[in-house]
């Protein structure tokens, strides 16, 4: 199905991209916050069962965690 519009695409598309970027950053921040909070409540034993240590939590939340 094709959509025909008479609106100019210049200004609104750049605004749309900017808003999508802002909402994307907010969503990523919230995902990291939820991950950090969820892992922080685990005991050291539970983290060890997952192969993690408490110091790995921030890297995991940022998405920069790499296993050796």
C-alpha atoms as a PDB file:
ATOM      1  CA  UNK A   1       0.000   0.000   0.000  1.00  0.00           C
ATOM      2  CA  UNK A   2       1.381   3.405  -0.950  1.00  0.00           C
ATOM      3  CA  UNK A   3       0.928   6.573   1.066  1.00  0.00           C
ATOM      4  CA  UNK A   4       0.784   9.911  -0.690  1.00  0.00           C
ATOM      5  CA  UNK A   5       1.503  13.043   1.277  1.00  0.00           C
ATOM      6  CA  UNK A   6       1.880  16.709   0.409  1.00  0.00           C
ATOM      7  CA  UNK A   7       3.856  17.610   3.526  1.00  0.00           C
ATOM      8  CA  UNK A   8       7.509  18.596   3.110  1.00  0.00           C
ATOM      9  CA  UNK A   9       9.797  15.969   4.626  1.00  0.00           C
ATOM     10  CA  UNK A  10      12.770  18.142   5.576  1.00  0.00           C
ATOM     11  CA  UNK A  11      11.951  19.666   8.952  1.00  0.00           C
ATOM     12  CA  UNK A  12       9.675  17.003  10.337  1.00  0.00           C
ATOM     13  CA  UNK A  13      11.998  14.113   9.490  1.00  0.00           C
ATOM     14  CA  UNK A  14      14.954  15.697  11.294  1.00  0.00           C
ATOM     15  CA  UNK A  15      12.727  16.399  14.290  1.00  0.00           C
ATOM     16  CA  UNK A  16      11.467  12.830  14.165  1.00  0.00           C
ATOM     17  CA  UNK A  17      15.033  11.501  14.097  1.00  0.00           C
ATOM     18  CA  UNK A  18      15.980  13.706  17.023  1.00  0.00           C
ATOM     19  CA  UNK A  19      12.968  12.597  19.070  1.00  0.00           C
ATOM     20  CA  UNK A  20      13.613   8.948  18.198  1.00  0.00           C
ATOM     21  CA  UNK A  21      17.229   9.373  19.340  1.00  0.00           C
ATOM     22  CA  UNK A  22      16.151  10.960  22.640  1.00  0.00           C
ATOM     23  CA  UNK A  23      13.587   8.258  23.331  1.00  0.00           C
ATOM     24  CA  UNK A  24      16.106   5.581  22.334  1.00  0.00           C
ATOM     25  CA  UNK A  25      18.653   6.963  24.781  1.00  0.00           C
ATOM     26  CA  UNK A  26      16.053   7.105  27.554  1.00  0.00           C
ATOM     27  CA  UNK A  27      15.039   3.507  26.850  1.00  0.00           C
ATOM     28  CA  UNK A  28      18.688   2.361  26.873  1.00  0.00           C
ATOM     29  CA  UNK A  29      19.318   4.201  30.142  1.00  0.00           C
ATOM     30  CA  UNK A  30      16.247   2.588  31.693  1.00  0.00           C
ATOM     31  CA  UNK A  31      17.261  -0.876  30.475  1.00  0.00           C
ATOM     32  CA  UNK A  32      20.707  -0.416  32.037  1.00  0.00           C
ATOM     33  CA  UNK A  33      19.133   0.807  35.270  1.00  0.00           C
ATOM     34  CA  UNK A  34      16.805  -2.182  35.494  1.00  0.00           C
ATOM     35  CA  UNK A  35      19.643  -4.607  34.716  1.00  0.00           C
ATOM     36  CA  UNK A  36      21.920  -3.004  37.299  1.00  0.00           C
ATOM     37  CA  UNK A  37      19.187  -3.088  39.938  1.00  0.00           C
ATOM     38  CA  UNK A  38      18.256  -6.711  39.195  1.00  0.00           C
ATOM     39  CA  UNK A  39      21.831  -7.948  39.391  1.00  0.00           C
ATOM     40  CA  UNK A  40      22.617  -5.875  42.477  1.00  0.00           C
ATOM     41  CA  UNK A  41      20.026  -7.682  44.594  1.00  0.00           C
ATOM     42  CA  UNK A  42      21.603 -11.076  43.885  1.00  0.00           C
ATOM     43  CA  UNK A  43      23.912 -12.545  46.508  1.00  0.00           C
ATOM     44  CA  UNK A  44      27.570 -13.162  45.752  1.00  0.00           C
ATOM     45  CA  UNK A  45      26.772 -16.883  45.600  1.00  0.00           C
ATOM     46  CA  UNK A  46      24.026 -16.328  43.017  1.00  0.00           C
ATOM     47  CA  UNK A  47      26.339 -14.131  40.934  1.00  0.00           C
ATOM     48  CA  UNK A  48      29.019 -16.829  41.163  1.00  0.00           C
ATOM     49  CA  UNK A  49      26.502 -19.378  39.884  1.00  0.00           C
ATOM     50  CA  UNK A  50      26.125 -17.148  36.833  1.00  0.00           C
ATOM     51  CA  UNK A  51      29.894 -16.851  36.460  1.00  0.00           C
ATOM     52  CA  UNK A  52      29.910 -13.209  37.541  1.00  0.00           C
ATOM     53  CA  UNK A  53      31.367 -11.086  40.302  1.00  0.00           C
ATOM     54  CA  UNK A  54      29.878  -7.927  41.719  1.00  0.00           C
ATOM     55  CA  UNK A  55      32.402  -5.815  39.780  1.00  0.00           C
ATOM     56  CA  UNK A  56      30.958  -7.072  36.475  1.00  0.00           C
ATOM     57  CA  UNK A  57      27.532  -5.518  37.045  1.00  0.00           C
ATOM     58  CA  UNK A  58      28.310  -2.063  35.649  1.00  0.00           C
ATOM     59  CA  UNK A  59      29.975  -3.535  32.553  1.00  0.00           C
ATOM     60  CA  UNK A  60      26.967  -5.773  31.944  1.00  0.00           C
ATOM     61  CA  UNK A  61      24.558  -2.843  32.338  1.00  0.00           C
ATOM     62  CA  UNK A  62      26.628  -0.743  29.910  1.00  0.00           C
ATOM     63  CA  UNK A  63      26.836  -3.618  27.447  1.00  0.00           C
ATOM     64  CA  UNK A  64      30.635  -3.693  27.554  1.00  0.00           C
ATOM     65  CA  UNK A  65      31.068  -6.946  29.502  1.00  0.00           C
ATOM     66  CA  UNK A  66      33.351  -9.496  27.841  1.00  0.00           C
ATOM     67  CA  UNK A  67      34.127 -12.963  29.165  1.00  0.00           C
ATOM     68  CA  UNK A  68      37.793 -13.854  29.211  1.00  0.00           C
END
